[in-house]
Protein backbone atom coordinates (compact mmCIF):
# COMPACT_ATOMS: atom_id res chain seq x y z
CA MET A 1 108.77 129.08 118.85
CA ALA A 2 109.41 130.87 115.58
CA LYS A 3 106.55 130.79 113.13
CA LYS A 4 107.12 128.57 110.11
CA ASN A 5 107.22 130.26 106.74
CA PHE A 6 107.47 129.16 103.11
CA ARG A 7 110.69 131.09 102.34
CA GLU A 8 112.88 128.79 104.45
CA LEU A 9 111.75 125.83 102.40
CA PHE A 10 113.42 127.11 99.26
CA ASP A 11 116.59 128.42 101.00
CA ILE A 12 119.44 126.11 100.09
CA ARG A 13 121.00 126.81 103.48
CA GLU A 14 118.01 125.38 105.27
CA PHE A 15 117.59 121.64 105.70
CA LYS A 16 113.86 121.62 106.15
CA TRP A 17 112.77 118.79 103.86
CA GLY A 18 113.28 115.82 106.12
CA GLY A 19 116.91 116.72 106.79
CA VAL A 20 117.82 117.78 103.22
CA ASN A 21 117.76 121.15 101.51
CA PHE A 22 115.51 122.14 98.62
CA PRO A 23 117.84 121.18 95.67
CA ILE A 24 118.33 117.66 97.08
CA PHE A 25 114.60 117.25 97.84
CA LEU A 26 113.83 118.46 94.28
CA CYS A 27 116.06 115.68 92.91
CA MET A 28 114.32 113.15 95.15
CA LEU A 29 110.90 114.43 94.00
CA ALA A 30 111.89 114.31 90.31
CA LEU A 31 113.16 110.67 90.64
CA THR A 32 109.96 109.72 92.45
CA MET A 33 107.83 111.13 89.61
CA VAL A 34 109.88 109.15 87.11
CA VAL A 35 109.32 105.89 89.04
CA VAL A 36 105.61 106.59 89.42
CA TYR A 37 104.58 108.12 86.09
CA VAL A 38 107.09 107.17 83.37
CA PRO A 39 105.97 104.00 81.54
CA PHE A 40 108.70 101.43 81.01
CA GLY A 41 108.49 98.15 79.16
CA GLY A 42 104.91 98.86 78.09
CA GLU A 43 103.61 98.93 81.66
CA LYS A 44 102.45 101.80 83.82
CA ALA A 45 104.90 102.62 86.57
CA GLY A 46 107.25 100.10 84.95
CA PHE A 47 110.25 101.42 86.91
CA LEU A 48 108.58 100.64 90.20
CA ARG A 49 110.03 97.56 91.94
CA PRO A 50 107.87 97.45 95.06
CA ASN A 51 109.50 96.43 98.35
CA PHE A 52 109.40 97.86 101.82
CA LEU A 53 112.24 100.33 101.28
CA THR A 54 111.14 101.77 97.95
CA ILE A 55 107.53 102.29 99.08
CA PHE A 56 108.78 103.78 102.32
CA ALA A 57 110.83 106.29 100.34
CA LEU A 58 108.09 107.16 97.87
CA LEU A 59 105.61 107.80 100.65
CA GLY A 60 108.29 109.79 102.49
CA VAL A 61 108.76 112.16 99.53
CA PHE A 62 104.98 112.54 99.16
CA GLY A 63 104.65 113.13 102.90
CA LEU A 64 107.42 115.78 103.02
CA LEU A 65 105.98 117.67 100.03
CA PHE A 66 102.49 118.10 101.48
CA GLY A 67 103.46 117.92 105.19
CA GLU A 68 105.86 120.83 104.97
CA ILE A 69 103.34 122.84 102.97
CA GLY A 70 100.53 122.01 105.43
CA ASP A 71 102.62 123.08 108.40
CA ARG A 72 102.93 126.56 106.84
CA ILE A 73 99.33 127.37 105.92
CA PRO A 74 98.34 129.69 108.82
CA PHE A 75 94.74 128.71 109.68
CA TRP A 76 95.22 125.14 108.56
CA ASP A 77 98.27 124.68 110.71
CA GLU A 78 96.65 126.25 113.81
CA TYR A 79 93.18 124.73 113.72
CA ILE A 80 92.88 121.90 111.16
CA GLY A 81 95.88 119.75 111.86
CA GLY A 82 98.80 121.14 109.82
CA GLY A 83 100.91 118.92 107.61
CA THR A 84 99.65 115.59 109.05
CA VAL A 85 96.05 116.22 108.01
CA LEU A 86 97.01 117.73 104.62
CA VAL A 87 99.15 114.67 103.78
CA PHE A 88 96.20 112.42 104.55
CA PHE A 89 93.70 114.45 102.56
CA SER A 90 96.07 114.90 99.58
CA ALA A 91 96.88 111.15 99.46
CA ALA A 92 93.14 110.37 99.64
CA VAL A 93 92.49 112.64 96.63
CA PHE A 94 95.39 111.07 94.67
CA GLY A 95 94.15 107.59 95.43
CA THR A 96 90.44 108.11 94.90
CA TYR A 97 90.69 110.02 91.63
CA LYS A 98 93.47 107.78 90.18
CA PHE A 99 96.15 110.47 90.01
CA VAL A 100 98.69 107.70 90.52
CA PRO A 101 98.81 104.41 88.56
CA GLU A 102 97.14 101.36 90.03
CA PRO A 103 100.45 99.38 90.58
CA VAL A 104 101.58 102.09 93.00
CA VAL A 105 98.37 102.01 95.00
CA SER A 106 98.49 98.21 95.11
CA ALA A 107 102.08 98.34 96.49
CA ILE A 108 100.97 100.86 99.11
CA LYS A 109 98.12 98.59 100.20
CA ILE A 110 100.68 95.86 100.86
CA PHE A 111 102.90 98.31 102.81
CA TYR A 112 99.86 99.34 104.87
CA GLY A 113 97.72 96.24 104.85
CA LYS A 114 96.63 93.05 106.50
CA GLN A 115 99.81 91.13 105.68
CA PRO A 116 101.78 89.75 108.60
CA VAL A 117 104.68 92.08 107.89
CA ASN A 118 103.73 95.72 107.33
CA PHE A 119 104.68 99.11 108.60
CA LEU A 120 101.90 99.34 111.17
CA GLU A 121 103.30 96.30 112.95
CA MET A 122 106.29 98.44 113.89
CA PHE A 123 104.70 101.95 114.14
CA ILE A 124 101.89 101.21 116.60
CA PRO A 125 103.80 99.08 119.15
CA ALA A 126 106.73 101.57 119.10
CA LEU A 127 104.37 104.40 119.89
CA ILE A 128 102.47 102.55 122.61
CA VAL A 129 105.59 101.30 124.48
CA GLY A 130 107.41 104.62 124.04
CA SER A 131 104.43 106.63 125.32
CA VAL A 132 103.47 104.52 128.33
CA LEU A 133 106.99 103.57 129.44
CA THR A 134 108.36 107.11 129.47
CA VAL A 135 105.72 108.47 131.82
CA ASP A 136 107.45 108.76 135.28
CA ARG A 137 106.38 105.82 137.36
CA ARG A 138 105.50 108.03 140.37
CA THR A 139 103.39 110.18 138.14
CA LEU A 140 101.71 107.07 136.75
CA ILE A 141 100.92 105.75 140.27
CA LYS A 142 99.68 109.09 141.56
CA SER A 143 97.58 109.73 138.49
CA MET A 144 95.75 106.44 138.97
CA SER A 145 94.16 107.70 142.21
CA GLY A 146 93.75 111.38 141.38
CA TYR A 147 93.91 112.55 137.82
CA ILE A 148 92.74 109.38 136.03
CA PRO A 149 89.24 109.53 137.69
CA LEU A 150 88.95 113.00 136.35
CA ILE A 151 89.57 111.71 132.82
CA VAL A 152 86.94 109.03 133.40
CA VAL A 153 84.45 111.78 134.37
CA GLY A 154 85.26 113.57 131.07
CA VAL A 155 84.83 110.41 128.97
CA LEU A 156 81.50 109.70 130.75
CA GLY A 157 80.27 113.24 130.03
CA ALA A 158 81.43 113.03 126.40
CA SER A 159 79.60 109.71 125.99
CA LEU A 160 76.34 110.79 127.53
CA CYS A 161 76.14 114.09 125.70
CA GLY A 162 77.27 112.49 122.41
CA ILE A 163 74.61 109.85 122.71
CA ALA A 164 71.96 112.47 123.52
CA ALA A 165 72.90 114.48 120.45
CA GLY A 166 72.96 111.36 118.31
CA LEU A 167 69.45 110.44 119.32
CA LEU A 168 68.29 113.74 117.90
CA PHE A 169 69.55 112.61 114.53
CA GLY A 170 68.30 109.05 114.83
CA LYS A 171 71.71 107.46 115.50
CA ALA A 172 72.02 104.51 117.82
CA PRO A 173 74.04 104.86 121.07
CA LEU A 174 76.39 102.04 120.00
CA ASP A 175 77.09 103.87 116.77
CA ILE A 176 78.01 107.04 118.71
CA MET A 177 80.31 105.17 121.03
CA MET A 178 82.17 103.21 118.32
CA ASN A 179 82.38 105.83 115.65
CA TYR A 180 82.34 109.18 117.49
CA VAL A 181 83.36 108.88 121.12
CA LEU A 182 86.29 106.46 120.65
CA PRO A 183 88.06 108.34 117.90
CA ILE A 184 87.51 111.81 119.49
CA MET A 185 88.50 110.77 123.00
CA GLY A 186 91.09 108.29 121.87
CA GLY A 187 94.28 110.30 122.32
CA GLY A 188 94.79 111.59 118.79
CA THR A 189 95.72 109.98 115.47
CA GLY A 190 98.92 108.01 115.65
CA ALA A 191 98.39 106.37 119.08
CA GLY A 192 94.61 106.56 118.95
CA ALA A 193 92.60 106.43 115.72
CA ILE A 194 95.10 104.30 113.76
CA PRO A 195 95.46 101.45 116.31
CA MET A 196 91.68 101.61 116.89
CA SER A 197 91.10 101.19 113.20
CA GLU A 198 93.28 98.05 113.32
CA MET A 199 91.25 96.71 116.26
CA TRP A 200 88.02 97.36 114.29
CA SER A 201 89.47 95.70 111.19
CA SER A 202 90.72 92.63 113.02
CA LYS A 203 87.23 92.13 114.48
CA THR A 204 85.09 92.88 111.36
CA GLY A 205 87.47 91.61 108.63
CA ARG A 206 86.97 94.85 106.67
CA PRO A 207 89.70 97.31 105.64
CA ALA A 208 90.97 99.48 108.55
CA SER A 209 90.84 102.54 106.22
CA GLU A 210 87.06 102.17 106.09
CA TRP A 211 86.70 103.01 109.77
CA PHE A 212 89.66 105.43 109.79
CA ALA A 213 88.30 107.67 107.02
CA PHE A 214 85.32 108.66 109.15
CA ALA A 215 87.34 108.66 112.37
CA ILE A 216 89.88 111.19 111.18
CA SER A 217 87.14 113.39 109.74
CA ILE A 218 85.20 113.51 113.04
CA LEU A 219 88.48 113.86 115.02
CA THR A 220 89.51 116.85 112.88
CA ILE A 221 86.15 118.51 113.58
CA ALA A 222 86.56 117.85 117.32
CA ASN A 223 90.12 119.17 117.30
CA ILE A 224 88.97 122.58 115.96
CA ILE A 225 86.14 122.68 118.57
CA ALA A 226 88.64 121.77 121.37
CA ILE A 227 91.07 124.59 120.36
CA LEU A 228 88.26 127.20 120.20
CA ALA A 229 86.96 125.86 123.56
CA GLY A 230 90.44 126.39 125.06
CA ALA A 231 90.30 130.03 124.13
CA PHE A 232 86.81 130.30 125.55
CA LEU A 233 87.90 128.73 128.87
CA LYS A 234 90.77 131.26 129.10
CA LYS A 235 88.23 134.02 128.90
CA LEU A 236 85.91 132.27 131.30
CA GLY A 237 88.73 132.08 133.87
CA GLU A 238 89.57 135.78 133.49
CA ASN A 239 85.93 136.79 134.06
CA ASN A 240 85.42 134.26 136.93
CA PRO A 241 88.61 134.05 139.03
CA SER A 242 87.12 131.48 141.40
CA LEU A 243 87.03 128.89 138.56
CA THR A 244 90.72 129.03 137.75
CA GLY A 245 94.11 128.45 139.37
CA ASN A 246 95.76 130.57 136.73
CA GLY A 247 97.80 127.64 135.51
CA ASP A 248 97.60 125.51 138.66
CA LEU A 249 95.47 122.44 138.42
CA VAL A 250 95.47 121.14 141.97
CA ILE A 251 93.55 123.33 144.45
CA ASP A 252 95.52 122.24 147.54
CA ASP A 253 99.03 123.05 146.34
CA SER A 254 100.46 122.19 149.66
CA LYS A 255 100.36 118.61 148.55
CA GLU A 256 102.87 117.24 146.15
CA VAL A 257 101.68 117.94 142.66
CA VAL A 258 101.85 115.22 139.99
CA LYS A 259 104.64 116.02 137.57
CA ASP A 260 105.70 114.24 134.38
CA LYS A 261 109.44 113.87 134.87
CA GLU A 262 111.32 113.50 131.59
CA VAL A 263 113.84 110.72 131.32
CA GLU A 264 117.11 112.41 132.23
CA VAL A 265 119.43 109.80 130.82
CA LYS A 266 120.64 110.53 127.29
CA ALA A 267 119.96 107.62 124.98
CA GLU A 268 122.62 106.11 122.85
CA LEU A 269 121.87 104.27 119.64
CA VAL A 270 122.35 100.98 121.41
CA ASP A 271 119.69 101.92 123.93
CA THR A 272 117.25 102.79 121.12
CA ALA A 273 118.01 99.45 119.47
CA ALA A 274 117.48 97.65 122.77
CA ALA A 275 114.11 99.46 123.35
CA PHE A 276 113.01 98.44 119.81
CA MET A 277 113.90 94.84 120.51
CA MET A 278 112.07 94.99 123.88
CA THR A 279 109.05 96.32 122.04
CA GLY A 280 109.07 93.32 119.78
CA ILE A 281 109.27 90.96 122.77
CA LEU A 282 106.47 92.74 124.57
CA PHE A 283 104.41 92.68 121.40
CA THR A 284 105.03 88.89 121.12
CA ALA A 285 103.98 88.43 124.77
CA ALA A 286 100.83 90.48 124.12
CA HIS A 287 99.97 88.33 121.18
CA ILE A 288 100.37 85.18 123.29
CA LEU A 289 98.08 86.66 125.92
CA GLY A 290 95.53 87.50 123.28
CA GLU A 291 95.56 83.94 121.98
CA VAL A 292 95.25 82.58 125.49
CA TRP A 293 92.38 84.94 126.25
CA GLU A 294 90.54 83.73 123.14
CA THR A 295 90.98 80.07 123.95
CA LEU A 296 89.58 80.56 127.42
CA GLY A 297 86.22 81.48 125.85
CA PHE A 298 85.58 84.85 127.44
CA PRO A 299 82.43 86.58 126.09
CA PHE A 300 84.42 89.46 124.52
CA GLU A 301 87.73 89.82 122.76
CA ILE A 302 90.64 91.94 123.99
CA HIS A 303 93.00 93.01 121.27
CA ARG A 304 96.69 92.34 121.58
CA LEU A 305 97.42 96.01 121.51
CA ALA A 306 95.35 96.34 124.71
CA PHE A 307 97.45 93.66 126.29
CA LEU A 308 100.58 95.45 125.12
CA ILE A 309 99.40 98.60 126.92
CA ILE A 310 98.66 96.63 130.12
CA LEU A 311 102.04 94.86 130.04
CA THR A 312 103.95 98.13 129.53
CA MET A 313 102.08 99.89 132.37
CA VAL A 314 102.84 97.00 134.71
CA LEU A 315 106.55 97.12 133.88
CA ASN A 316 106.62 100.87 134.38
CA ILE A 317 104.82 100.81 137.73
CA ALA A 318 106.96 97.89 138.92
CA GLY A 319 110.05 100.01 138.26
CA VAL A 320 111.97 97.18 136.64
CA VAL A 321 112.93 98.98 133.41
CA PRO A 322 116.31 100.80 133.63
CA ASP A 323 116.46 104.50 132.82
CA ARG A 324 118.71 103.93 129.87
CA LEU A 325 116.15 101.57 128.31
CA LYS A 326 113.38 104.15 129.03
CA ALA A 327 115.48 106.82 127.33
CA GLY A 328 115.91 104.53 124.34
CA ALA A 329 112.14 103.95 124.25
CA LYS A 330 111.57 107.72 124.27
CA ARG A 331 113.94 108.16 121.41
CA MET A 332 112.30 105.31 119.51
CA GLN A 333 108.87 106.87 120.09
CA THR A 334 110.11 110.27 118.88
CA PHE A 335 111.48 108.78 115.68
CA PHE A 336 108.20 107.07 114.76
CA SER A 337 105.82 109.79 116.00
CA LYS A 338 107.66 112.78 114.58
CA HIS A 339 109.67 111.46 111.60
CA THR A 340 107.48 108.75 110.10
CA ILE A 341 103.93 109.95 110.78
CA TRP A 342 103.64 111.63 107.41
CA ILE A 343 104.68 108.37 105.74
CA LEU A 344 101.99 106.53 107.56
CA MET A 345 99.33 109.20 106.87
CA ALA A 346 100.20 109.07 103.16
CA ALA A 347 99.78 105.27 103.15
CA VAL A 348 96.45 105.48 104.97
CA GLY A 349 95.29 108.32 102.67
CA PHE A 350 96.03 106.37 99.47
CA THR A 351 93.83 103.50 100.68
CA THR A 352 90.95 105.85 101.73
CA ASP A 353 87.97 106.90 99.61
CA VAL A 354 87.74 110.73 99.77
CA ASN A 355 83.95 110.53 99.25
CA GLU A 356 83.60 108.88 102.65
CA ILE A 357 85.35 111.94 104.22
CA ILE A 358 83.06 114.35 102.39
CA ASN A 359 80.00 112.48 103.54
CA ALA A 360 81.20 112.81 107.16
CA LEU A 361 81.01 116.60 107.04
CA SER A 362 77.29 116.82 107.84
CA LEU A 363 75.28 118.97 110.26
CA ALA A 364 74.59 115.91 112.36
CA ASN A 365 78.33 115.09 112.77
CA LEU A 366 79.18 118.67 113.58
CA VAL A 367 76.54 118.78 116.33
CA ILE A 368 77.51 115.38 117.75
CA ALA A 369 81.22 116.25 117.79
CA PHE A 370 80.36 119.55 119.51
CA ALA A 371 78.25 117.74 122.10
CA ILE A 372 81.02 115.23 122.84
CA VAL A 373 83.68 117.93 123.42
CA ILE A 374 81.39 120.17 125.48
CA GLY A 375 80.03 117.20 127.38
CA ALA A 376 83.53 116.35 128.58
CA VAL A 377 84.11 119.98 129.58
CA VAL A 378 80.83 120.44 131.43
CA PHE A 379 80.97 117.24 133.41
CA ILE A 380 84.56 117.89 134.53
CA MET A 381 83.81 121.43 135.58
CA LEU A 382 80.82 120.35 137.61
CA LEU A 383 82.76 117.73 139.62
CA SER A 384 86.33 119.03 139.58
CA LYS A 385 86.18 121.13 142.72
CA LYS A 386 84.90 118.14 144.77
CA MET A 387 87.97 116.27 143.38
CA LYS A 388 90.31 119.11 144.42
CA PHE A 389 90.98 120.50 140.94
CA TYR A 390 90.29 123.94 139.51
CA PRO A 391 87.46 123.70 137.00
CA VAL A 392 89.05 125.68 134.13
CA GLU A 393 92.42 123.85 134.24
CA ALA A 394 90.69 120.48 134.81
CA ALA A 395 88.44 120.96 131.77
CA ILE A 396 91.41 121.97 129.62
CA THR A 397 93.65 119.06 130.55
CA ALA A 398 91.31 116.14 131.31
CA GLY A 399 88.68 117.22 128.79
CA LEU A 400 90.07 119.13 125.82
CA CYS A 401 93.42 117.37 125.76
CA MET A 402 91.54 114.07 125.50
CA ALA A 403 89.36 115.38 122.69
CA ASN A 404 92.05 116.78 120.42
CA ARG A 405 94.48 115.13 118.00
CA GLY A 406 97.18 114.16 120.43
CA GLY A 407 100.53 115.86 121.10
CA ALA A 408 100.20 118.60 118.48
CA GLY A 409 96.59 119.08 119.65
CA ASP A 410 97.80 119.48 123.18
CA VAL A 411 100.12 122.33 122.19
CA ALA A 412 97.35 124.04 120.25
CA VAL A 413 94.75 123.73 123.02
CA LEU A 414 97.16 124.83 125.75
CA GLY A 415 98.39 127.66 123.58
CA ALA A 416 94.86 128.88 122.91
CA ALA A 417 94.10 128.64 126.64
CA ASP A 418 97.46 130.20 127.60
CA ARG A 419 98.18 127.29 129.92
CA MET A 420 101.34 125.78 128.54
CA GLU A 421 102.57 124.95 132.08
CA LEU A 422 99.91 122.20 132.11
CA MET A 423 101.74 120.18 129.48
CA SER A 424 102.60 117.33 131.88
CA PHE A 425 98.89 116.74 132.67
CA ALA A 426 98.02 117.08 129.02
CA GLN A 427 100.58 114.40 128.24
CA ILE A 428 99.01 112.08 130.82
CA SER A 429 95.65 112.64 129.07
CA SER A 430 97.11 111.86 125.65
CA ARG A 431 99.28 108.94 126.81
CA ILE A 432 97.52 107.17 129.64
CA GLY A 433 94.08 108.46 128.89
CA GLY A 434 94.53 107.47 125.22
CA ALA A 435 95.79 104.02 126.31
CA MET A 436 92.64 103.61 128.46
CA MET A 437 90.48 104.43 125.43
CA LEU A 438 92.33 101.83 123.36
CA ILE A 439 91.50 99.19 125.94
CA LEU A 440 87.86 100.39 126.06
CA GLY A 441 87.75 100.32 122.26
CA SER A 442 89.16 96.77 122.23
CA ILE A 443 86.37 95.68 124.53
CA ILE A 444 83.60 97.47 122.64
CA PHE A 445 84.72 96.22 119.28
CA GLY A 446 85.21 92.76 120.74
CA ILE A 447 81.62 92.60 121.87
CA PHE A 448 79.65 94.67 119.30
CA ALA A 449 81.68 95.15 116.08
């Protein structure tokens, strides 16, 4: 893949600003600044007429500006999180230090808030259904008995080592589980930390951004550690050939290896629309199940997103969803995860206090994040051979690819480890492993939050 550079952003022949070239983006940026900063009628941001579409567009321009820049800063792009993290941090600075007028921030809080109709109500279900439904059902079934237990071992190791490190700094085990292990091992940002923040908010009644601000900080730290650990495991395998399959995960390769088969059917627009409609129906069914669960008086709450994951997995395993609909779901997921993530990160950032992020960058948090990542790696390596997996490849996929920031983190970790052929297993970690952590988070928040 060609390395991104700044020159292409300003080349009028290149359409790198969300599908437009630099002159068009410049016009969009100028109009956005007029709407946000030019007083009209004696009021700040008087030209702003907040509705879903206008706020979507304003956040889109902001996200494109800082996202494209962040994806081209060498060290930042490779180790910190690229444009996604820069958009979040930039928006947090703009919101905290009042670099935009209050009416704009208030409108963003409605766009990304507790109201019944907001962007998250589309973004999160689309990502969940698209992620879980597009894993090949045979892969899903096989992974339940083989690879999934390996992920569980990693989560157990991460939890125990994280709690042990937390005790050194006087932190309670429950605090470590809710605020460290869940975001780090949760499958990334879009399909992990963000829905977890909504689960936490729905239980506590406090703003989701309060939990998310710390979560993304600790996740960013863990992502850097995971990438560096990937490079270390590569060297470890080179020096100890008995620990590695040189890209093969399963020791007994005479058996059929689990593979993540991509949906081969090409999705039409009508398939994507149908998948989006199905997502809404499944989300409604999940909400009904959540209400029924609550009325039955069980001792802990299960969030409706957890029920959405369970419903989607059951449909996938049952094989009742046509390939065309799966292809539409994959296209839907791609649209939200790749083309609207900067919009969402900008919205989250504007509602986040940057001082909370700064406070998270302490020695204690660095040590705890390191212990969580290394705990997953060590436990997996100790047990992987008994489970018929090579230790190095097992630690990379079931450990590091659970502890990074999702899809982009998988690419960075596998690239550092020179194991790109393991992407299918990394995707199972991010998708199914992340879904498992959402369910675990729902239960923990339901009981203890």
